[in-house]
N, C-alpha and C. Protein backbone atom coordinates (compact mmCIF):
# COMPACT_ATOMS: atom_id res chain seq x y z
N MET A 1 22.53 39.92 3.05
CA MET A 1 21.46 39.45 3.92
C MET A 1 20.94 40.58 4.80
N GLY A 2 21.73 41.56 5.07
CA GLY A 2 21.28 42.71 5.84
C GLY A 2 21.01 42.33 7.29
N ALA A 3 20.00 43.01 7.87
CA ALA A 3 19.69 42.85 9.30
C ALA A 3 19.05 41.50 9.62
N VAL A 4 18.46 40.85 8.61
CA VAL A 4 17.77 39.59 8.85
C VAL A 4 18.77 38.49 9.18
N GLY A 5 19.83 38.40 8.42
CA GLY A 5 20.83 37.36 8.67
C GLY A 5 20.40 36.00 8.10
N ARG A 6 21.34 35.13 8.01
CA ARG A 6 21.07 33.82 7.42
C ARG A 6 20.16 32.96 8.26
N SER A 7 20.20 33.06 9.56
CA SER A 7 19.42 32.18 10.42
C SER A 7 17.92 32.44 10.34
N HIS A 8 17.50 33.55 9.75
CA HIS A 8 16.09 33.89 9.68
C HIS A 8 15.51 33.84 8.27
N VAL A 9 16.28 33.38 7.31
CA VAL A 9 15.81 33.35 5.93
C VAL A 9 14.58 32.46 5.80
N GLY A 10 14.56 31.32 6.47
CA GLY A 10 13.42 30.41 6.38
C GLY A 10 12.14 30.99 6.95
N VAL A 11 12.25 31.91 7.86
CA VAL A 11 11.06 32.54 8.45
C VAL A 11 10.39 33.44 7.43
N LEU A 12 11.19 34.13 6.63
CA LEU A 12 10.64 35.06 5.65
C LEU A 12 10.20 34.36 4.36
N ALA A 13 10.90 33.30 3.99
CA ALA A 13 10.55 32.57 2.77
C ALA A 13 9.40 31.61 3.07
N LYS A 14 8.57 31.38 2.04
CA LYS A 14 7.47 30.43 2.21
C LYS A 14 8.05 29.02 2.13
N VAL A 15 7.99 28.31 3.24
CA VAL A 15 8.53 26.95 3.32
C VAL A 15 7.37 25.97 3.21
N ARG A 16 7.45 25.07 2.22
CA ARG A 16 6.41 24.07 2.02
C ARG A 16 6.75 22.81 2.77
N ASP A 17 5.76 22.29 3.43
CA ASP A 17 5.91 21.02 4.13
C ASP A 17 5.66 19.91 3.11
N PRO A 18 6.66 19.04 2.80
CA PRO A 18 6.45 18.00 1.80
C PRO A 18 5.36 17.00 2.20
N MET A 19 5.12 16.81 3.51
CA MET A 19 4.08 15.88 3.94
C MET A 19 2.67 16.44 3.73
N ALA A 20 2.57 17.77 3.54
CA ALA A 20 1.26 18.37 3.32
C ALA A 20 0.68 17.90 1.99
N ASP A 21 1.53 17.55 1.05
CA ASP A 21 1.08 17.09 -0.26
C ASP A 21 1.07 15.57 -0.37
N SER A 22 1.26 14.88 0.72
CA SER A 22 1.33 13.42 0.65
C SER A 22 -0.05 12.81 0.46
N LYS A 23 -0.08 11.69 -0.19
CA LYS A 23 -1.30 10.94 -0.47
C LYS A 23 -1.14 9.52 0.06
N THR A 24 -2.27 8.87 0.33
CA THR A 24 -2.27 7.46 0.69
C THR A 24 -2.99 6.71 -0.41
N ILE A 25 -2.34 5.73 -0.98
CA ILE A 25 -2.90 4.92 -2.06
C ILE A 25 -3.23 3.56 -1.49
N LEU A 26 -4.50 3.15 -1.60
CA LEU A 26 -4.94 1.84 -1.13
C LEU A 26 -4.95 0.86 -2.28
N VAL A 27 -4.37 -0.29 -2.06
CA VAL A 27 -4.42 -1.39 -3.02
C VAL A 27 -5.22 -2.49 -2.33
N LEU A 28 -6.35 -2.83 -2.91
CA LEU A 28 -7.22 -3.84 -2.30
C LEU A 28 -6.92 -5.21 -2.90
N GLY A 29 -6.49 -6.12 -2.06
CA GLY A 29 -6.23 -7.49 -2.49
C GLY A 29 -4.75 -7.78 -2.62
N GLY A 30 -4.31 -8.84 -1.98
CA GLY A 30 -2.91 -9.24 -2.00
C GLY A 30 -2.63 -10.38 -2.94
N GLY A 31 -3.39 -10.47 -4.02
CA GLY A 31 -3.12 -11.48 -5.04
C GLY A 31 -1.98 -11.03 -5.93
N VAL A 32 -1.81 -11.72 -7.05
CA VAL A 32 -0.72 -11.40 -7.97
C VAL A 32 -0.82 -9.95 -8.43
N GLY A 33 -2.01 -9.51 -8.84
CA GLY A 33 -2.19 -8.14 -9.32
C GLY A 33 -1.99 -7.11 -8.24
N GLY A 34 -2.50 -7.37 -7.04
CA GLY A 34 -2.37 -6.42 -5.94
C GLY A 34 -0.93 -6.23 -5.50
N VAL A 35 -0.20 -7.33 -5.37
CA VAL A 35 1.20 -7.25 -4.96
C VAL A 35 2.02 -6.55 -6.04
N ALA A 36 1.80 -6.90 -7.30
CA ALA A 36 2.54 -6.26 -8.39
C ALA A 36 2.24 -4.77 -8.46
N THR A 37 0.98 -4.41 -8.26
CA THR A 37 0.59 -2.99 -8.30
C THR A 37 1.22 -2.23 -7.15
N ALA A 38 1.15 -2.76 -5.95
CA ALA A 38 1.73 -2.09 -4.78
C ALA A 38 3.24 -1.89 -4.96
N ARG A 39 3.91 -2.90 -5.45
CA ARG A 39 5.36 -2.79 -5.65
C ARG A 39 5.70 -1.78 -6.74
N ALA A 40 4.93 -1.77 -7.83
CA ALA A 40 5.18 -0.81 -8.91
C ALA A 40 4.93 0.63 -8.44
N LEU A 41 3.85 0.82 -7.68
CA LEU A 41 3.57 2.16 -7.16
C LEU A 41 4.67 2.63 -6.21
N ARG A 42 5.12 1.73 -5.32
CA ARG A 42 6.15 2.12 -4.38
C ARG A 42 7.43 2.52 -5.09
N LYS A 43 7.77 1.83 -6.18
CA LYS A 43 8.98 2.16 -6.93
C LYS A 43 8.86 3.51 -7.62
N ARG A 44 7.66 3.84 -8.08
CA ARG A 44 7.48 5.04 -8.91
C ARG A 44 7.10 6.30 -8.14
N LEU A 45 6.51 6.15 -6.97
CA LEU A 45 6.04 7.32 -6.22
C LEU A 45 7.10 7.82 -5.23
N PRO A 46 7.15 9.12 -5.01
CA PRO A 46 8.06 9.64 -3.98
C PRO A 46 7.71 9.06 -2.61
N ARG A 47 8.68 9.00 -1.73
CA ARG A 47 8.51 8.37 -0.42
C ARG A 47 7.49 9.08 0.47
N GLN A 48 7.14 10.34 0.18
CA GLN A 48 6.16 11.03 1.02
C GLN A 48 4.77 10.42 0.88
N HIS A 49 4.53 9.67 -0.20
CA HIS A 49 3.24 9.02 -0.41
C HIS A 49 3.25 7.63 0.21
N ARG A 50 2.15 7.27 0.86
CA ARG A 50 2.03 5.94 1.47
C ARG A 50 1.35 4.99 0.50
N VAL A 51 1.84 3.78 0.41
CA VAL A 51 1.20 2.71 -0.35
C VAL A 51 0.75 1.68 0.68
N VAL A 52 -0.56 1.42 0.73
CA VAL A 52 -1.14 0.50 1.71
C VAL A 52 -1.83 -0.63 0.96
N LEU A 53 -1.44 -1.85 1.23
CA LEU A 53 -2.08 -3.03 0.65
C LEU A 53 -2.99 -3.64 1.71
N ILE A 54 -4.24 -3.88 1.35
CA ILE A 54 -5.21 -4.45 2.28
C ILE A 54 -5.63 -5.82 1.77
N ASP A 55 -5.51 -6.82 2.63
CA ASP A 55 -5.96 -8.17 2.28
C ASP A 55 -6.44 -8.85 3.56
N ARG A 56 -7.29 -9.83 3.40
CA ARG A 56 -7.80 -10.54 4.59
C ARG A 56 -6.92 -11.71 4.98
N GLU A 57 -5.98 -12.09 4.11
CA GLU A 57 -5.09 -13.23 4.39
C GLU A 57 -3.68 -12.74 4.71
N ARG A 58 -2.96 -13.49 5.55
CA ARG A 58 -1.59 -13.13 5.92
C ARG A 58 -0.60 -13.40 4.79
N ASP A 59 -0.87 -14.43 4.00
CA ASP A 59 0.08 -14.87 2.99
C ASP A 59 -0.44 -14.63 1.58
N HIS A 60 0.52 -14.34 0.70
CA HIS A 60 0.23 -14.26 -0.73
C HIS A 60 0.49 -15.65 -1.30
N VAL A 61 -0.49 -16.20 -1.97
CA VAL A 61 -0.35 -17.53 -2.59
C VAL A 61 -0.30 -17.34 -4.09
N VAL A 62 0.71 -17.92 -4.73
CA VAL A 62 0.84 -17.85 -6.18
C VAL A 62 -0.14 -18.86 -6.75
N ALA A 63 -1.31 -18.37 -7.15
CA ALA A 63 -2.42 -19.25 -7.57
C ALA A 63 -2.05 -20.22 -8.70
N PRO A 64 -1.30 -19.80 -9.73
CA PRO A 64 -0.96 -20.77 -10.78
C PRO A 64 -0.17 -21.97 -10.25
N SER A 65 0.52 -21.81 -9.14
CA SER A 65 1.31 -22.91 -8.57
C SER A 65 0.47 -23.89 -7.76
N LEU A 66 -0.80 -23.60 -7.56
CA LEU A 66 -1.67 -24.54 -6.84
C LEU A 66 -1.75 -25.88 -7.57
N LEU A 67 -1.65 -25.85 -8.87
CA LEU A 67 -1.63 -27.10 -9.65
C LEU A 67 -0.45 -27.98 -9.22
N TRP A 68 0.73 -27.37 -9.05
CA TRP A 68 1.91 -28.14 -8.64
C TRP A 68 1.75 -28.66 -7.22
N LEU A 69 1.06 -27.91 -6.39
CA LEU A 69 0.78 -28.36 -5.02
C LEU A 69 -0.12 -29.59 -5.04
N MET A 70 -1.15 -29.55 -5.90
CA MET A 70 -2.12 -30.66 -5.97
C MET A 70 -1.48 -31.96 -6.43
N VAL A 71 -0.50 -31.88 -7.31
CA VAL A 71 0.12 -33.11 -7.82
C VAL A 71 1.39 -33.48 -7.06
N GLY A 72 1.65 -32.75 -5.96
CA GLY A 72 2.77 -33.11 -5.10
C GLY A 72 4.13 -32.61 -5.54
N LYS A 73 4.20 -31.71 -6.50
CA LYS A 73 5.48 -31.19 -6.99
C LYS A 73 5.98 -29.99 -6.20
N ARG A 74 5.12 -29.41 -5.37
CA ARG A 74 5.48 -28.27 -4.52
C ARG A 74 4.84 -28.44 -3.15
N THR A 75 5.42 -27.76 -2.16
CA THR A 75 4.81 -27.73 -0.83
C THR A 75 4.09 -26.38 -0.68
N ALA A 76 3.21 -26.29 0.31
CA ALA A 76 2.46 -25.05 0.53
C ALA A 76 3.42 -23.89 0.82
N GLY A 77 4.48 -24.15 1.55
CA GLY A 77 5.45 -23.11 1.86
C GLY A 77 6.20 -22.60 0.65
N ALA A 78 6.31 -23.46 -0.37
CA ALA A 78 7.05 -23.07 -1.57
C ALA A 78 6.24 -22.16 -2.49
N ILE A 79 4.92 -22.14 -2.33
CA ILE A 79 4.10 -21.33 -3.23
C ILE A 79 3.43 -20.15 -2.51
N SER A 80 3.85 -19.88 -1.30
CA SER A 80 3.26 -18.74 -0.58
C SER A 80 4.35 -17.95 0.14
N ARG A 81 4.07 -16.67 0.32
CA ARG A 81 4.98 -15.78 1.03
C ARG A 81 4.16 -14.87 1.94
N PRO A 82 4.67 -14.53 3.12
CA PRO A 82 3.95 -13.60 4.00
C PRO A 82 3.87 -12.21 3.36
N LEU A 83 2.69 -11.63 3.36
CA LEU A 83 2.52 -10.28 2.84
C LEU A 83 3.32 -9.27 3.66
N ALA A 84 3.57 -9.58 4.93
CA ALA A 84 4.31 -8.66 5.80
C ALA A 84 5.71 -8.37 5.26
N ARG A 85 6.23 -9.23 4.42
CA ARG A 85 7.56 -8.98 3.82
C ARG A 85 7.58 -7.74 2.94
N LEU A 86 6.40 -7.30 2.50
CA LEU A 86 6.34 -6.09 1.67
C LEU A 86 6.74 -4.84 2.46
N ALA A 87 6.69 -4.92 3.77
CA ALA A 87 7.09 -3.77 4.60
C ALA A 87 8.55 -3.40 4.33
N ARG A 88 9.38 -4.38 4.00
CA ARG A 88 10.78 -4.10 3.68
C ARG A 88 10.90 -3.24 2.44
N LYS A 89 9.88 -3.27 1.59
CA LYS A 89 9.87 -2.47 0.37
C LYS A 89 9.19 -1.12 0.58
N GLY A 90 8.72 -0.85 1.81
CA GLY A 90 8.06 0.42 2.09
C GLY A 90 6.56 0.40 1.86
N ILE A 91 5.98 -0.80 1.84
CA ILE A 91 4.54 -0.95 1.63
C ILE A 91 3.90 -1.33 2.96
N ASP A 92 2.89 -0.58 3.35
CA ASP A 92 2.17 -0.83 4.60
C ASP A 92 1.11 -1.89 4.33
N VAL A 93 1.17 -3.01 5.03
CA VAL A 93 0.21 -4.11 4.83
C VAL A 93 -0.78 -4.12 5.99
N ARG A 94 -2.05 -4.13 5.66
CA ARG A 94 -3.12 -4.19 6.67
C ARG A 94 -3.90 -5.48 6.44
N LEU A 95 -4.05 -6.26 7.49
CA LEU A 95 -4.80 -7.52 7.40
C LEU A 95 -6.21 -7.27 7.91
N GLN A 96 -7.13 -7.14 6.99
CA GLN A 96 -8.53 -6.96 7.36
C GLN A 96 -9.40 -7.17 6.14
N ALA A 97 -10.63 -7.57 6.38
CA ALA A 97 -11.60 -7.72 5.31
C ALA A 97 -12.25 -6.37 5.08
N MET A 98 -12.39 -6.00 3.83
CA MET A 98 -13.03 -4.73 3.49
C MET A 98 -14.41 -5.04 2.91
N ASN A 99 -15.42 -4.37 3.44
CA ASN A 99 -16.75 -4.54 2.85
C ASN A 99 -17.36 -3.20 2.48
N ALA A 100 -16.62 -2.10 2.70
CA ALA A 100 -17.06 -0.78 2.29
C ALA A 100 -15.86 0.15 2.20
N LEU A 101 -15.96 1.16 1.35
CA LEU A 101 -14.91 2.15 1.18
C LEU A 101 -15.48 3.54 1.40
N PRO A 102 -14.68 4.44 1.96
CA PRO A 102 -15.18 5.81 2.12
C PRO A 102 -15.32 6.49 0.76
N THR A 103 -16.36 7.29 0.60
CA THR A 103 -16.55 8.06 -0.62
C THR A 103 -15.95 9.44 -0.41
N THR A 104 -16.18 10.33 -1.36
CA THR A 104 -15.64 11.67 -1.21
C THR A 104 -16.27 12.39 -0.02
N SER A 105 -17.46 12.02 0.35
CA SER A 105 -18.08 12.58 1.54
C SER A 105 -17.68 11.68 2.72
N SER A 106 -17.04 12.25 3.73
CA SER A 106 -16.51 11.43 4.82
C SER A 106 -17.60 10.71 5.61
N SER A 107 -18.85 11.10 5.44
CA SER A 107 -19.92 10.47 6.21
C SER A 107 -20.59 9.33 5.44
N ARG A 108 -20.16 9.07 4.20
CA ARG A 108 -20.79 8.02 3.39
C ARG A 108 -19.79 6.94 3.07
N TRP A 109 -20.28 5.71 3.01
CA TRP A 109 -19.44 4.56 2.65
C TRP A 109 -20.10 3.84 1.50
N ALA A 110 -19.30 3.43 0.54
CA ALA A 110 -19.80 2.68 -0.62
C ALA A 110 -19.50 1.21 -0.41
N PRO A 111 -20.52 0.34 -0.49
CA PRO A 111 -20.28 -1.09 -0.31
C PRO A 111 -19.46 -1.65 -1.47
N ILE A 112 -18.63 -2.64 -1.17
CA ILE A 112 -17.87 -3.33 -2.21
C ILE A 112 -18.10 -4.82 -2.06
N GLY A 113 -17.80 -5.57 -3.09
CA GLY A 113 -17.95 -7.02 -3.02
C GLY A 113 -19.24 -7.46 -3.71
N PRO A 114 -19.54 -8.74 -3.61
CA PRO A 114 -20.74 -9.27 -4.28
C PRO A 114 -22.00 -8.69 -3.67
N ARG A 115 -22.99 -8.49 -4.51
CA ARG A 115 -24.29 -8.01 -4.04
C ARG A 115 -25.15 -9.20 -3.62
N ASN A 116 -25.83 -9.06 -2.51
CA ASN A 116 -26.69 -10.14 -2.01
C ASN A 116 -28.05 -10.10 -2.66
């Protein structure tokens, strides 16, 4: 090691910050596809990347089970789960309606949703 010594090796070597390469992945919609996608991404991506699910509703409702609700075979609580539970899996849940997304130019927004 010479005159530098072990305590200064990191100063001379190029040290990469793992958060510098981190990405944020937005999943729009907390339906069956959105929840499945967010969970699959979280399992497959390194922890330095953020997975954010955006939905306007607090709860995920299993839509195919609405039939059982209508005929009295299930209760509303049995076919829905709070999206906030995804935080335990490392998924950031944001409750808000989205009507535009940022484009590659930070000053422009692209509208989403039905056209009027």
